[in-house]
Protein backbone atom coordinates (compact mmCIF):
# COMPACT_ATOMS: atom_id res chain seq x y z
CA MET A 1 0.00 0.00 0.00
CA LYS A 2 1.42 3.38 -1.00
CA PRO A 3 1.65 6.01 1.77
CA GLU A 4 -0.16 9.31 2.00
CA VAL A 5 2.50 12.00 2.23
CA ALA A 6 2.45 15.40 3.92
CA ILE A 7 5.06 17.78 2.47
CA VAL A 8 6.13 20.65 4.69
CA GLY A 9 7.13 23.61 2.50
CA GLY A 10 5.95 24.81 -0.88
CA GLY A 11 9.31 25.80 -2.35
CA VAL A 12 11.05 24.26 -5.34
CA CYS A 13 11.84 20.94 -3.65
CA GLY A 14 8.40 20.54 -2.05
CA LEU A 15 6.53 21.29 -5.27
CA ALA A 16 8.77 18.99 -7.34
CA LEU A 17 8.34 16.22 -4.78
CA ALA A 18 4.55 16.51 -4.93
CA LEU A 19 4.65 16.23 -8.73
CA ASN A 20 7.03 13.27 -8.67
CA LEU A 21 4.91 11.43 -6.11
CA HIS A 22 1.68 12.13 -8.00
CA ARG A 23 3.20 10.79 -11.24
CA ARG A 24 3.91 7.55 -9.37
CA GLY A 25 0.43 7.21 -7.90
CA ILE A 26 1.26 8.46 -4.41
CA THR A 27 -1.06 10.96 -2.73
CA ALA A 28 0.67 14.09 -1.48
CA ARG A 29 -0.38 17.40 0.02
CA ILE A 30 1.77 20.49 0.62
CA TYR A 31 1.62 22.70 3.72
CA GLU A 32 3.19 26.13 3.19
CA THR A 33 3.77 28.90 5.75
CA ALA A 34 3.16 31.86 3.41
CA PRO A 35 -0.42 33.09 2.97
CA GLU A 36 0.05 32.80 -0.80
CA ILE A 37 2.71 31.53 -3.16
CA ARG A 38 4.01 34.47 -5.15
CA GLU A 39 6.74 34.86 -7.75
CA LEU A 40 9.43 36.49 -5.62
CA GLY A 41 13.21 36.73 -5.63
CA VAL A 42 15.83 37.39 -8.26
CA GLY A 43 17.67 35.08 -10.66
CA ILE A 44 18.77 31.47 -10.61
CA THR A 45 20.67 29.26 -13.05
CA LEU A 46 19.32 25.81 -13.85
CA LEU A 47 22.24 23.56 -14.72
CA PRO A 48 21.74 20.53 -16.99
CA HIS A 49 21.22 18.13 -14.08
CA ALA A 50 18.47 20.40 -12.71
CA VAL A 51 16.89 20.77 -16.16
CA ARG A 52 16.98 16.98 -16.55
CA GLU A 53 14.72 16.67 -13.50
CA LEU A 54 12.31 19.34 -14.75
CA SER A 55 12.25 17.76 -18.20
CA ALA A 56 11.28 14.42 -16.66
CA LEU A 57 8.24 16.23 -15.20
CA GLY A 58 7.26 17.35 -18.71
CA LEU A 59 7.93 21.02 -17.97
CA LEU A 60 11.00 21.77 -20.10
CA ALA A 61 9.10 23.74 -22.76
CA GLU A 62 7.56 25.99 -20.11
CA PHE A 63 10.94 26.78 -18.60
CA GLU A 64 12.60 27.39 -21.96
CA ALA A 65 9.79 29.80 -22.85
CA VAL A 66 10.53 32.13 -19.91
CA GLY A 67 14.26 31.57 -19.38
CA ILE A 68 17.44 32.29 -21.33
CA GLU A 69 19.68 29.49 -22.58
CA ASN A 70 23.32 30.10 -21.72
CA ARG A 71 25.82 29.45 -24.49
CA GLU A 72 28.98 29.92 -22.44
CA SER A 73 30.54 30.63 -19.06
CA CYS A 74 33.15 33.40 -18.94
CA PHE A 75 35.69 34.17 -16.21
CA PHE A 76 37.15 37.70 -16.06
CA THR A 77 39.66 39.33 -13.75
CA ARG A 78 38.67 42.42 -11.80
CA PHE A 79 40.50 44.39 -14.50
CA GLY A 80 38.00 43.15 -17.08
CA GLN A 81 40.40 40.74 -18.78
CA LEU A 82 39.04 37.42 -20.04
CA ALA A 83 40.83 34.53 -18.32
CA TYR A 84 38.80 31.49 -19.38
CA ARG A 85 35.63 30.62 -21.23
CA GLU A 86 33.85 27.35 -21.93
CA PRO A 87 30.65 26.31 -23.71
CA ARG A 88 27.70 25.36 -21.52
CA GLY A 89 24.63 23.16 -21.70
CA ARG A 90 23.70 21.95 -25.17
CA PHE A 91 26.58 23.98 -26.62
CA ALA A 92 28.97 21.76 -24.62
CA GLY A 93 27.33 18.55 -25.76
CA TYR A 94 24.87 18.04 -22.90
CA PRO A 95 21.41 16.65 -23.74
CA PHE A 96 19.81 19.46 -21.72
CA PRO A 97 20.25 23.24 -21.74
CA GLU A 98 21.58 25.51 -19.03
CA LEU A 99 18.95 28.16 -18.30
CA GLY A 100 19.01 31.52 -16.55
CA ILE A 101 15.57 32.24 -15.10
CA HIS A 102 13.80 34.39 -12.54
CA ARG A 103 13.49 32.35 -9.35
CA GLY A 104 9.84 33.35 -9.03
CA LYS A 105 9.14 31.90 -12.48
CA LEU A 106 10.77 28.62 -11.46
CA GLN A 107 8.55 28.31 -8.42
CA GLY A 108 5.51 29.62 -10.29
CA ILE A 109 5.69 27.02 -13.06
CA LEU A 110 6.03 24.21 -10.54
CA TYR A 111 3.19 25.59 -8.41
CA HIS A 112 0.75 25.85 -11.31
CA ALA A 113 1.73 22.35 -12.45
CA VAL A 114 0.84 21.05 -8.98
CA LEU A 115 -2.54 22.79 -9.09
CA ARG A 116 -3.26 21.40 -12.58
CA GLU A 117 -2.29 17.85 -11.79
CA LEU A 118 -3.08 17.40 -8.11
CA GLY A 119 -5.97 19.85 -7.76
CA ALA A 120 -6.51 23.24 -6.13
CA ASP A 121 -6.63 21.70 -2.64
CA ALA A 122 -3.18 20.11 -2.97
CA VAL A 123 -1.47 23.17 -1.48
CA SER A 124 -2.57 24.57 1.88
CA THR A 125 -1.10 28.00 2.61
CA SER A 126 -0.93 29.78 6.00
CA HIS A 127 0.21 26.51 7.57
CA CYS A 128 3.35 27.25 9.63
CA CYS A 129 4.87 23.95 10.74
CA VAL A 130 6.39 24.07 14.22
CA GLY A 131 7.05 20.37 14.69
CA VAL A 132 6.00 16.78 14.17
CA GLU A 133 5.11 13.92 16.50
CA PRO A 134 4.53 10.19 15.96
CA VAL A 135 1.00 8.84 16.35
CA GLY A 136 1.18 5.06 16.12
CA ASP A 137 2.46 4.24 12.65
CA LYS A 138 1.57 7.73 11.39
CA VAL A 139 2.92 11.26 11.95
CA LYS A 140 1.11 14.37 13.13
CA VAL A 141 2.21 17.76 11.74
CA LEU A 142 1.80 20.62 14.23
CA PHE A 143 1.24 24.22 13.17
CA GLY A 144 1.79 27.56 14.88
CA PRO A 145 0.86 31.12 13.91
CA ALA A 146 1.44 31.85 10.21
CA PRO A 147 2.43 35.35 9.03
CA ASP A 148 -1.24 36.27 8.62
CA GLY A 149 -2.05 35.07 12.16
CA ASN A 150 -3.74 31.84 11.11
CA VAL A 151 -3.13 28.82 13.35
CA ALA A 152 -4.09 25.71 11.41
CA PRO A 153 -5.20 22.50 13.14
CA PRO A 154 -2.75 19.58 13.03
CA VAL A 155 -2.84 17.05 10.20
CA THR A 156 -1.87 13.39 10.18
CA ALA A 157 -0.17 11.46 7.39
CA ASP A 158 1.61 8.17 6.82
CA LEU A 159 4.82 10.00 6.02
CA VAL A 160 6.10 13.56 6.44
CA ILE A 161 8.81 15.05 4.21
CA ALA A 162 10.30 18.32 5.45
CA CYS A 163 11.11 20.63 2.55
CA ASP A 164 10.97 23.75 4.72
CA GLY A 165 14.31 25.22 3.78
CA VAL A 166 17.50 26.33 5.49
CA ASN A 167 15.64 27.36 8.66
CA SER A 168 13.64 24.13 8.79
CA ALA A 169 11.52 23.77 11.93
CA VAL A 170 11.46 20.00 11.46
CA ARG A 171 15.24 19.74 11.24
CA LYS A 172 15.53 21.94 14.32
CA GLN A 173 13.35 19.49 16.26
CA PHE A 174 15.82 16.66 15.65
CA TYR A 175 18.94 18.85 15.75
CA PRO A 176 18.15 21.43 18.47
CA ASP A 177 21.66 22.91 18.37
CA ASP A 178 21.50 23.26 14.59
CA LYS A 179 22.69 26.61 13.24
CA VAL A 180 23.94 28.12 10.03
CA VAL A 181 27.67 28.45 9.40
CA PHE A 182 28.83 31.96 8.44
CA THR A 183 32.44 32.38 7.37
CA GLY A 184 32.47 36.11 6.72
CA ILE A 185 31.14 36.31 3.16
CA ASN A 186 28.21 38.64 2.51
CA THR A 187 26.32 38.94 -0.77
CA TRP A 188 24.00 41.39 -2.49
CA ARG A 189 21.77 40.29 -5.37
CA GLY A 190 20.11 42.57 -7.84
CA THR A 191 18.41 42.86 -11.21
CA THR A 192 18.99 45.59 -13.77
CA VAL A 193 17.36 46.29 -17.14
CA ARG A 194 20.05 47.04 -19.72
CA PRO A 195 21.33 46.03 -23.18
CA PRO A 196 22.68 42.48 -23.53
CA ILE A 197 26.22 41.97 -22.22
CA ILE A 198 28.71 40.40 -24.65
CA GLY A 199 26.30 38.24 -26.69
CA GLY A 200 23.44 38.19 -24.22
CA ARG A 201 23.86 34.46 -23.61
CA SER A 202 26.83 34.37 -21.23
CA TYR A 203 27.17 33.43 -17.56
CA ILE A 204 29.90 35.76 -16.30
CA ARG A 205 32.12 35.72 -13.21
CA VAL A 206 34.37 38.70 -12.53
CA GLY A 207 37.01 38.98 -9.80
CA SER A 208 37.17 36.93 -6.59
CA ILE A 209 35.92 37.14 -3.02
CA ASN A 210 39.39 38.35 -2.01
CA THR A 211 39.02 41.63 -3.91
CA GLY A 212 35.31 41.69 -4.70
CA LYS A 213 33.46 39.33 -7.04
CA MET A 214 30.48 39.66 -9.38
CA VAL A 215 28.35 36.94 -10.95
CA ILE A 216 26.27 38.25 -13.87
CA TYR A 217 23.80 36.60 -16.25
CA PRO A 218 20.57 37.44 -18.11
CA ILE A 219 17.23 36.00 -16.97
CA VAL A 220 14.62 37.67 -19.23
CA ASP A 221 14.95 38.53 -22.93
CA ASP A 222 13.55 41.75 -24.43
CA VAL A 223 12.04 42.66 -21.07
CA ASP A 224 10.83 46.08 -22.22
CA GLY A 225 10.10 45.55 -25.93
CA LYS A 226 13.24 47.54 -26.76
CA GLY A 227 15.70 44.66 -26.88
CA ASN A 228 16.95 45.11 -23.30
CA GLN A 229 17.42 42.15 -20.98
CA LEU A 230 16.76 41.74 -17.28
CA ILE A 231 20.24 41.09 -15.92
CA ASN A 232 20.71 39.21 -12.67
CA TRP A 233 23.87 39.96 -10.69
CA MET A 234 25.38 39.03 -7.34
CA ALA A 235 28.14 40.86 -5.48
CA GLU A 236 30.10 38.58 -3.17
CA ILE A 237 32.58 39.97 -0.66
CA GLN A 238 34.81 38.45 2.03
CA THR A 239 34.09 40.73 4.98
CA GLY A 240 36.35 39.18 7.60
CA ASP A 241 35.13 40.15 11.04
CA ALA A 242 32.16 42.16 9.75
CA GLY A 243 28.71 41.12 10.89
CA LYS A 244 26.39 38.85 8.99
CA ASN A 245 23.88 40.40 6.60
CA ASP A 246 20.20 40.24 7.33
CA TRP A 247 18.35 37.62 5.31
CA ASN A 248 16.46 38.49 2.14
CA THR A 249 16.03 42.16 3.04
CA ALA A 250 16.40 45.26 0.88
CA GLY A 251 20.07 45.96 0.23
CA ARG A 252 21.83 49.34 0.18
CA LYS A 253 24.09 50.21 -2.74
CA GLU A 254 26.39 52.27 -0.55
CA ASP A 255 27.33 49.15 1.45
CA PHE A 256 29.17 47.55 -1.48
CA LEU A 257 29.26 49.90 -4.50
CA PRO A 258 32.61 51.49 -3.52
CA ILE A 259 34.38 48.15 -4.05
CA TYR A 260 33.26 48.13 -7.71
CA GLN A 261 33.59 51.84 -8.42
CA ASP A 262 36.50 51.39 -10.83
CA TRP A 263 35.10 48.34 -12.64
CA LYS A 264 34.45 50.12 -15.91
CA PHE A 265 35.33 47.82 -18.79
CA ASP A 266 34.89 48.19 -22.53
CA TRP A 267 32.23 45.45 -22.33
CA LEU A 268 30.45 46.51 -19.09
CA ASP A 269 30.19 49.45 -16.69
CA VAL A 270 29.66 47.57 -13.41
CA PRO A 271 28.95 50.57 -11.12
CA ALA A 272 26.36 51.86 -13.60
CA MET A 273 24.68 48.43 -13.58
CA ILE A 274 24.51 48.53 -9.79
CA ARG A 275 23.22 52.11 -9.66
CA ASP A 276 20.49 51.31 -12.22
CA ALA A 277 19.24 48.24 -10.34
CA GLN A 278 15.50 47.69 -10.00
CA THR A 279 15.89 45.41 -7.00
CA ILE A 280 18.70 44.75 -4.51
CA LEU A 281 18.46 42.12 -1.77
CA GLU A 282 21.14 41.22 0.75
CA TYR A 283 22.03 37.77 2.04
CA PRO A 284 24.77 36.18 4.13
CA MET A 285 26.71 33.37 2.47
CA VAL A 286 25.80 30.50 4.77
CA ASP A 287 25.40 26.75 4.79
CA LYS A 288 25.20 24.07 7.49
CA GLU A 289 27.47 21.22 8.44
CA PRO A 290 26.46 18.06 6.55
CA ILE A 291 24.46 15.55 8.59
CA ASP A 292 24.39 11.79 8.09
CA ARG A 293 20.89 11.23 9.41
CA TRP A 294 17.94 12.57 7.41
CA VAL A 295 15.29 10.06 8.46
CA PHE A 296 13.53 9.87 11.84
CA GLY A 297 10.89 7.17 11.80
CA ARG A 298 8.32 8.26 9.23
CA VAL A 299 9.81 11.77 8.93
CA ALA A 300 12.50 12.66 6.38
CA LEU A 301 14.36 15.80 5.33
CA ALA A 302 14.82 16.96 1.73
CA GLY A 303 16.21 19.95 -0.17
CA ASP A 304 17.69 22.78 1.87
CA ALA A 305 16.23 21.28 5.04
CA ALA A 306 18.58 18.33 4.51
CA HIS A 307 21.64 19.97 2.93
CA PRO A 308 21.83 23.79 2.91
CA MET A 309 24.78 24.77 0.74
CA TYR A 310 26.49 27.91 -0.47
CA PRO A 311 24.67 29.47 -3.44
CA ARG A 312 27.65 28.73 -5.66
CA GLY A 313 27.62 26.70 -8.82
CA SER A 314 23.80 26.83 -8.95
CA ASN A 315 23.60 23.54 -7.10
CA GLY A 316 21.10 24.08 -4.27
CA SER A 317 17.99 23.80 -6.42
CA ALA A 318 19.49 21.00 -8.52
CA GLN A 319 20.21 18.83 -5.49
CA GLY A 320 16.70 19.44 -4.11
CA LEU A 321 15.16 18.40 -7.42
CA ILE A 322 17.25 15.23 -7.42
CA ASP A 323 16.16 14.49 -3.83
CA ALA A 324 12.53 14.73 -4.96
CA ARG A 325 12.93 12.28 -7.84
CA VAL A 326 15.06 9.75 -5.94
CA LEU A 327 12.70 9.70 -2.95
CA ALA A 328 9.60 9.35 -5.14
CA ASP A 329 11.18 6.50 -7.10
CA LEU A 330 12.05 4.60 -3.93
CA LEU A 331 8.62 5.06 -2.37
CA ALA A 332 6.94 3.93 -5.59
CA ARG A 333 8.70 0.55 -5.64
CA GLY A 334 5.99 -0.83 -3.41
CA GLY A 335 8.22 -2.24 -0.67
CA GLU A 336 8.50 -1.24 2.95
CA VAL A 337 8.41 2.53 3.50
CA ASP A 338 11.12 2.30 6.16
CA ALA A 339 13.45 0.53 3.74
CA ALA A 340 12.77 3.14 1.04
CA LEU A 341 13.57 5.97 3.45
CA ALA A 342 16.76 4.25 4.60
CA GLU A 343 17.93 3.83 1.00
CA TYR A 344 17.08 7.45 0.23
CA GLU A 345 19.22 8.61 3.15
CA ALA A 346 22.09 6.27 2.29
CA THR A 347 22.04 7.41 -1.35
CA ARG A 348 21.59 11.14 -1.07
CA ALA A 349 23.26 12.19 2.20
CA PRO A 350 26.85 11.33 1.14
CA GLN A 351 26.41 12.81 -2.33
CA THR A 352 25.09 16.15 -1.12
CA ALA A 353 27.68 16.32 1.69
CA ARG A 354 30.39 16.24 -0.98
CA VAL A 355 28.74 19.14 -2.81
CA VAL A 356 28.41 21.19 0.40
CA ARG A 357 32.10 20.74 1.18
CA THR A 358 33.17 21.35 -2.41
CA ASN A 359 31.23 24.62 -2.55
CA ARG A 360 33.27 25.76 0.45
CA SER A 361 36.73 24.64 -0.62
CA THR A 362 36.67 24.29 -4.41
CA PRO A 363 33.88 26.42 -5.85
CA PRO A 364 33.59 26.92 -9.62
CA ASP A 365 35.01 30.43 -9.20
CA LEU A 366 38.25 28.93 -7.92
CA ILE A 367 39.33 29.63 -11.50
CA ASN A 368 39.22 33.35 -10.73
CA ILE A 369 41.21 32.87 -7.53
CA ALA A 370 43.81 30.73 -9.31
CA VAL A 371 44.28 33.40 -11.98
CA GLU A 372 44.46 36.17 -9.39
CA GLU A 373 47.15 34.32 -7.45
CA ALA A 374 49.15 33.35 -10.53
CA THR A 375 49.19 36.91 -11.87
CA HIS A 376 49.70 38.50 -8.43
CA ASP A 377 46.39 40.30 -8.96
CA LYS A 378 47.76 42.44 -11.80
CA PRO A 379 46.78 42.88 -15.47
CA PHE A 380 48.55 40.49 -17.83
CA ASP A 381 49.67 40.55 -21.45
CA ASP A 382 49.55 36.77 -21.97
CA LEU A 383 47.88 34.65 -19.30
CA GLU A 384 49.70 31.54 -20.55
CA ASP A 385 52.86 33.02 -19.03
CA PHE A 386 51.28 32.46 -15.61
CA ILE A 387 48.70 29.65 -15.85
CA THR A 388 47.50 27.56 -18.78
CA GLN A 389 44.02 27.10 -20.15
CA ALA A 390 44.41 23.35 -19.56
CA GLU A 391 44.98 23.98 -15.86
CA LEU A 392 41.87 26.15 -15.65
CA GLU A 393 39.82 23.57 -17.57
CA ALA A 394 40.90 20.91 -15.07
CA ILE A 395 39.63 23.05 -12.18
CA SER A 396 36.28 23.43 -13.89
CA GLU A 397 35.99 19.71 -14.66
CA ARG A 398 36.79 18.66 -11.09
CA TYR A 399 33.90 20.74 -9.79
CA LYS A 400 31.46 19.32 -12.34
CA GLN A 401 32.42 15.77 -11.43
CA ILE A 402 31.83 16.27 -7.72
CA ALA A 403 28.60 18.21 -8.25
CA GLY A 404 27.24 15.52 -10.58
CA PHE A 405 26.97 17.32 -13.90
CA SER A 406 30.04 16.35 -15.86
CA LEU A 407 29.38 15.09 -19.38
CA ASN A 408 30.09 11.56 -18.20
CA ASP A 409 27.14 11.79 -15.78
CA PHE A 410 24.87 12.20 -18.79
CA GLY A 411 26.55 9.63 -20.98
CA ALA A 412 27.18 12.47 -23.43
CA LYS A 413 30.18 13.58 -25.42
CA ALA A 414 31.16 17.08 -26.41
CA GLY A 415 30.45 17.81 -30.06
C-alpha cells in the first residue's frame, strides 16, 4: 500500500516532490507557511542536471519559454580581462540546456503544475509547521501562527517530508543545536534592465571574493520591448570580522558599490549596472554542516532542510530536485516505507555532503582565484605566461564531477 505523504514547505523541492509522487500514484499534500505563493526573488541558473529533473516532469518547454539558454561561461579578472571561457549546456554537448531564469518563475511554473495535476486543494497556505510527533504508525504535523495570524489545526499522514528550507523547523526538532555556518562572506543580489552583455547568452564571473566578485547573467529577454534584458547579478565579498547580513532584506548600494567603483570595462560598466538596479536584496553566504541522518521514523528531510549549501555553482535547487525524484522512485517501488527511506538517506546524504564541502573549498570560481594568485592580482599581457588554459579547464571539470553534472554523468560527449 502506497503512503499518504504530507510535504512541509511549498518551495522548489516541495513542489517537485509533490509532482514526482503524483506521477507515481502516491497521494501528497503540501503545507506552506506563506499566505500565498508568489513569484518572488531574483535570478537562478538551472544547470543541466536540474533541467533533466524538470524535463522528466514534462515542464522543459515551459521553462525554456521564460528563461534564457546560456551558451557559455566566462571568467574575467577584476580588471575586465578574459581569463577562461567554456561552452555550456547543449553547446557543450549536454542533452539538456543551461537556463538563466527568474526564481519566481521557477517556483511559479512548478506551483501551477501542482494545481493542474493534483488539484486546487493540494497546497494549503498559512500553515506554519512548528514540529511533528509520531501517532502510532503515522505522523502528526503541528502548526503555529502563520504570518497572517492563522493557526491551522494539526494534520496526520503516513509519512512527512520536510522541505521547509534552510531554517527548517522540522530539522531543528531533531537537531536542536543546529545553526547556520557563516564564514564572513556577505552577498548582495540585484536585477537591472540594460542592453545584452557580450552576446546576451553568457554566464559571467568577474574577480574573486578576495578583492570583490560579481556573478552576472541574463534571466529575461527583451524585457521592455526595446531589446533590453533583465540582468541578474550578485556581489560577493569576504568581509572578515564584519557582521552577517540580514536575510532576504532590501540591500543598500552604498554598502558595497565602492568596491566596484573602478570596474568600468569596454564590455560593461559595473557601477552603472549597480546604480540602475531595479531590486537589490542582501544575504549572508551560509550553509550548514552536513548531517548523516535525514530520516527519523516516518519523517524525512529533503532539499535545503537536509543539505543547505552555499549558493555557488547553482547547485542548491538541482540537489533538491534530485532528492525529490530519488525519494519518489524509492517510495513507488511498493516495498516497505522504512526501507525506502533508509535507502534514500544512504544514497543522497553522502552525495550532497560532498557538494556542500566542495562549494566551500573548491567552488567553480576557484578559476578566478587561481588566476588572481598566478598573476599576483595584476593585469597580464599573456595569461599563458602564468597559468594555462588546460589547468583552468581541469579546475572546472573537477567541480562538475563532484557536483554531478560532468558530461560523463549524462553519458554524453562534447560535439
